[in-house]
Amino acid sequence: MPLPADLSSDTREEVMFFDTDIGGVVHNLAYLRMIETCRTRLAAKMGMDLKSMAETKLFPVVVRTEIDYRKPATLGDVLLLHGKLDELQRARFWCAFEVRRESDDALLITCRQALALVQMPEGRPVRLPKEWGNGA
């Protein structure tokens, strides 16, 4: 069965001390950690939950990240992350993300990531499953 075109996942994160720099502003790497959480939940909806990946040794691997930092988040902010399946190709797929501050709905981050499926331990890329509806 093909993946739904509107496949998405939402997560909620509170900015902690370890997410910030000395000025209380969220560090760029902290956003990537939060996006990783959202993307992992999205992958589970695509049939790649953590347990399945551990059993099959087939993992979605980030091969490209494009990110725009629009406004800063600060210590104590609650952030809403929305991730969605954006595009399917033969050997990779793209996910798109938005990070918004809950209190004022300000758009803080936009991000796109390209992922490939890699069979471990060989490290061999594999084509996306035909049942995903990607025309492969």
C-alpha atoms as a PDB file:
ATOM      1  CA  MET A   1       0.000   0.000   0.000  1.00  0.00           C
ATOM      2  CA  PRO A   2       1.421   3.442  -0.947  1.00  0.00           C
ATOM      3  CA  LEU A   3       2.271   5.912   1.773  1.00  0.00           C
ATOM      4  CA  PRO A   4      -0.358   8.623   2.291  1.00  0.00           C
ATOM      5  CA  ALA A   5       0.529  11.905   0.570  1.00  0.00           C
ATOM      6  CA  ASP A   6      -0.202  13.835   3.776  1.00  0.00           C
ATOM      7  CA  LEU A   7       1.976  11.696   6.074  1.00  0.00           C
ATOM      8  CA  SER A   8       3.104  13.868   8.986  1.00  0.00           C
ATOM      9  CA  SER A   9       4.167  13.918  12.618  1.00  0.00           C
ATOM     10  CA  ASP A  10       4.009  16.563  15.327  1.00  0.00           C
ATOM     11  CA  THR A  11       6.162  16.823  18.428  1.00  0.00           C
ATOM     12  CA  ARG A  12       6.409  19.275  21.298  1.00  0.00           C
ATOM     13  CA  GLU A  13       9.684  20.248  22.981  1.00  0.00           C
ATOM     14  CA  GLU A  14      10.456  22.549  25.897  1.00  0.00           C
ATOM     15  CA  VAL A  15      13.766  24.403  25.588  1.00  0.00           C
ATOM     16  CA  MET A  16      16.065  23.174  28.377  1.00  0.00           C
ATOM     17  CA  PHE A  17      19.369  24.532  29.703  1.00  0.00           C
ATOM     18  CA  PHE A  18      21.338  22.025  27.621  1.00  0.00           C
ATOM     19  CA  ASP A  19      19.659  23.380  24.452  1.00  0.00           C
ATOM     20  CA  THR A  20      20.982  26.909  24.949  1.00  0.00           C
ATOM     21  CA  ASP A  21      24.179  28.912  24.838  1.00  0.00           C
ATOM     22  CA  ILE A  22      25.408  31.282  27.576  1.00  0.00           C
ATOM     23  CA  GLY A  23      22.851  33.898  26.457  1.00  0.00           C
ATOM     24  CA  GLY A  24      19.895  31.515  26.818  1.00  0.00           C
ATOM     25  CA  VAL A  25      19.386  31.227  23.042  1.00  0.00           C
ATOM     26  CA  VAL A  26      18.845  27.802  21.492  1.00  0.00           C
ATOM     27  CA  HIS A  27      22.001  26.436  19.885  1.00  0.00           C
ATOM     28  CA  ASN A  28      21.738  25.367  16.240  1.00  0.00           C
ATOM     29  CA  LEU A  29      22.537  21.731  17.069  1.00  0.00           C
ATOM     30  CA  ALA A  30      19.667  21.583  19.553  1.00  0.00           C
ATOM     31  CA  TYR A  31      17.208  22.233  16.727  1.00  0.00           C
ATOM     32  CA  LEU A  32      18.669  19.287  14.805  1.00  0.00           C
ATOM     33  CA  ARG A  33      18.182  17.042  17.850  1.00  0.00           C
ATOM     34  CA  MET A  34      14.535  18.128  18.065  1.00  0.00           C
ATOM     35  CA  ILE A  35      14.073  17.563  14.327  1.00  0.00           C
ATOM     36  CA  GLU A  36      15.615  14.098  14.783  1.00  0.00           C
ATOM     37  CA  THR A  37      12.906  13.259  17.336  1.00  0.00           C
ATOM     38  CA  CYS A  38      10.146  14.425  14.999  1.00  0.00           C
ATOM     39  CA  ARG A  39      11.712  12.582  12.045  1.00  0.00           C
ATOM     40  CA  THR A  40      12.037   9.357  14.067  1.00  0.00           C
ATOM     41  CA  ARG A  41       8.308   9.472  14.847  1.00  0.00           C
ATOM     42  CA  LEU A  42       7.556  10.191  11.197  1.00  0.00           C
ATOM     43  CA  ALA A  43       9.704   7.187  10.190  1.00  0.00           C
ATOM     44  CA  ALA A  44       7.658   4.985  12.534  1.00  0.00           C
ATOM     45  CA  LYS A  45       4.515   6.014  10.629  1.00  0.00           C
ATOM     46  CA  MET A  46       6.339   4.965   7.433  1.00  0.00           C
ATOM     47  CA  GLY A  47       6.871   1.475   8.870  1.00  0.00           C
ATOM     48  CA  MET A  48      10.376   2.130  10.193  1.00  0.00           C
ATOM     49  CA  ASP A  49       9.918   2.108  13.948  1.00  0.00           C
ATOM     50  CA  LEU A  50      13.039   1.674  16.074  1.00  0.00           C
ATOM     51  CA  LYS A  51      12.395  -2.008  16.811  1.00  0.00           C
ATOM     52  CA  SER A  52      11.833  -2.853  13.128  1.00  0.00           C
ATOM     53  CA  MET A  53      15.010  -1.045  12.111  1.00  0.00           C
ATOM     54  CA  ALA A  54      17.010  -2.920  14.731  1.00  0.00           C
ATOM     55  CA  GLU A  55      15.627  -6.235  13.436  1.00  0.00           C
ATOM     56  CA  THR A  56      15.960  -5.590   9.680  1.00  0.00           C
ATOM     57  CA  LYS A  57      19.157  -3.498   9.895  1.00  0.00           C
ATOM     58  CA  LEU A  58      17.588  -1.170   7.300  1.00  0.00           C
ATOM     59  CA  PHE A  59      17.935   2.451   8.374  1.00  0.00           C
ATOM     60  CA  PRO A  60      16.924   5.840   6.954  1.00  0.00           C
ATOM     61  CA  VAL A  61      20.146   7.851   6.823  1.00  0.00           C
ATOM     62  CA  VAL A  62      20.273  11.633   6.452  1.00  0.00           C
ATOM     63  CA  VAL A  63      22.285  12.558   3.358  1.00  0.00           C
ATOM     64  CA  ARG A  64      21.442  16.270   3.189  1.00  0.00           C
ATOM     65  CA  THR A  65      20.037  18.908   5.533  1.00  0.00           C
ATOM     66  CA  GLU A  66      18.845  22.346   4.458  1.00  0.00           C
ATOM     67  CA  ILE A  67      17.880  24.594   7.367  1.00  0.00           C
ATOM     68  CA  ASP A  68      16.888  28.244   7.715  1.00  0.00           C
ATOM     69  CA  TYR A  69      17.098  29.869  11.131  1.00  0.00           C
ATOM     70  CA  ARG A  70      14.455  32.617  11.033  1.00  0.00           C
ATOM     71  CA  LYS A  71      14.006  33.634  14.684  1.00  0.00           C
ATOM     72  CA  PRO A  72      15.633  32.436  17.903  1.00  0.00           C
ATOM     73  CA  ALA A  73      14.012  30.365  20.609  1.00  0.00           C
ATOM     74  CA  THR A  74      15.084  30.916  24.205  1.00  0.00           C
ATOM     75  CA  LEU A  75      15.226  29.054  27.487  1.00  0.00           C
ATOM     76  CA  GLY A  76      11.757  27.912  28.593  1.00  0.00           C
ATOM     77  CA  ASP A  77      10.056  28.340  25.209  1.00  0.00           C
ATOM     78  CA  VAL A  78       7.772  25.503  24.166  1.00  0.00           C
ATOM     79  CA  LEU A  79       8.372  24.559  20.544  1.00  0.00           C
ATOM     80  CA  LEU A  80       5.984  22.790  18.217  1.00  0.00           C
ATOM     81  CA  LEU A  81       7.590  20.768  15.452  1.00  0.00           C
ATOM     82  CA  HIS A  82       5.704  19.636  12.393  1.00  0.00           C
ATOM     83  CA  GLY A  83       7.364  17.157  10.044  1.00  0.00           C
ATOM     84  CA  LYS A  84       5.979  15.712   6.859  1.00  0.00           C
ATOM     85  CA  LEU A  85       6.951  13.440   4.020  1.00  0.00           C
ATOM     86  CA  ASP A  86       7.687  15.927   1.257  1.00  0.00           C
ATOM     87  CA  GLU A  87       8.949  13.999  -1.772  1.00  0.00           C
ATOM     88  CA  LEU A  88       9.702  10.436  -2.877  1.00  0.00           C
ATOM     89  CA  GLN A  89      12.403   9.599  -5.422  1.00  0.00           C
ATOM     90  CA  ARG A  90      13.844   6.229  -6.477  1.00  0.00           C
ATOM     91  CA  ALA A  91      16.632   6.053  -3.921  1.00  0.00           C
ATOM     92  CA  ARG A  92      15.895   8.874  -1.496  1.00  0.00           C
ATOM     93  CA  PHE A  93      13.048  10.695   0.148  1.00  0.00           C
ATOM     94  CA  TRP A  94      12.683  14.204   1.529  1.00  0.00           C
ATOM     95  CA  CYS A  95      11.094  15.298   4.787  1.00  0.00           C
ATOM     96  CA  ALA A  96      10.178  18.918   5.548  1.00  0.00           C
ATOM     97  CA  PHE A  97       9.963  20.472   9.010  1.00  0.00           C
ATOM     98  CA  GLU A  98       8.733  23.639  10.668  1.00  0.00           C
ATOM     99  CA  VAL A  99       9.527  24.709  14.209  1.00  0.00           C
ATOM    100  CA  ARG A 100       7.151  27.221  15.802  1.00  0.00           C
ATOM    101  CA  ARG A 101       7.018  28.792  19.249  1.00  0.00           C
ATOM    102  CA  GLU A 102       3.801  27.721  20.957  1.00  0.00           C
ATOM    103  CA  SER A 103       3.149  31.031  22.741  1.00  0.00           C
ATOM    104  CA  ASP A 104       2.931  33.211  19.608  1.00  0.00           C
ATOM    105  CA  ASP A 105       3.029  30.726  16.696  1.00  0.00           C
ATOM    106  CA  ALA A 106       6.188  32.438  15.393  1.00  0.00           C
ATOM    107  CA  LEU A 107       7.942  30.455  12.671  1.00  0.00           C
ATOM    108  CA  LEU A 108      11.485  29.874  13.962  1.00  0.00           C
ATOM    109  CA  ILE A 109      12.960  27.213  11.687  1.00  0.00           C
ATOM    110  CA  THR A 110      12.274  25.640   8.319  1.00  0.00           C
ATOM    111  CA  CYS A 111      14.200  22.536   7.346  1.00  0.00           C
ATOM    112  CA  ARG A 112      14.315  19.888   4.620  1.00  0.00           C
ATOM    113  CA  GLN A 113      16.229  16.655   4.853  1.00  0.00           C
ATOM    114  CA  ALA A 114      17.005  14.073   2.195  1.00  0.00           C
ATOM    115  CA  LEU A 115      17.296  10.494   3.415  1.00  0.00           C
ATOM    116  CA  ALA A 116      18.405   7.243   1.836  1.00  0.00           C
ATOM    117  CA  LEU A 117      17.654   3.718   3.032  1.00  0.00           C
ATOM    118  CA  VAL A 118      20.877   1.945   3.962  1.00  0.00           C
ATOM    119  CA  GLN A 119      21.259  -1.767   4.664  1.00  0.00           C
ATOM    120  CA  MET A 120      23.668  -2.383   7.528  1.00  0.00           C
ATOM    121  CA  PRO A 121      26.224  -3.625   8.336  1.00  0.00           C
ATOM    122  CA  GLU A 122      27.202  -3.489   4.648  1.00  0.00           C
ATOM    123  CA  GLY A 123      26.379   0.227   4.402  1.00  0.00           C
ATOM    124  CA  ARG A 124      24.686  -0.464   1.065  1.00  0.00           C
ATOM    125  CA  PRO A 125      22.004   1.984  -0.156  1.00  0.00           C
ATOM    126  CA  VAL A 126      18.789   0.330  -1.330  1.00  0.00           C
ATOM    127  CA  ARG A 127      15.937   1.581  -3.489  1.00  0.00           C
ATOM    128  CA  LEU A 128      12.825   2.786  -1.765  1.00  0.00           C
ATOM    129  CA  PRO A 129      10.082   0.167  -1.506  1.00  0.00           C
ATOM    130  CA  LYS A 130       7.760   0.098  -4.536  1.00  0.00           C
ATOM    131  CA  GLU A 131       4.797  -0.074  -2.186  1.00  0.00           C
ATOM    132  CA  TRP A 132       5.621   3.478  -1.059  1.00  0.00           C
ATOM    133  CA  GLY A 133       4.223   4.614  -4.404  1.00  0.00           C
ATOM    134  CA  ASN A 134       7.375   6.349  -5.624  1.00  0.00           C
ATOM    135  CA  GLY A 135       7.305   4.872  -9.125  1.00  0.00           C
ATOM    136  CA  ALA A 136      10.566   2.979  -8.641  1.00  0.00           C
END
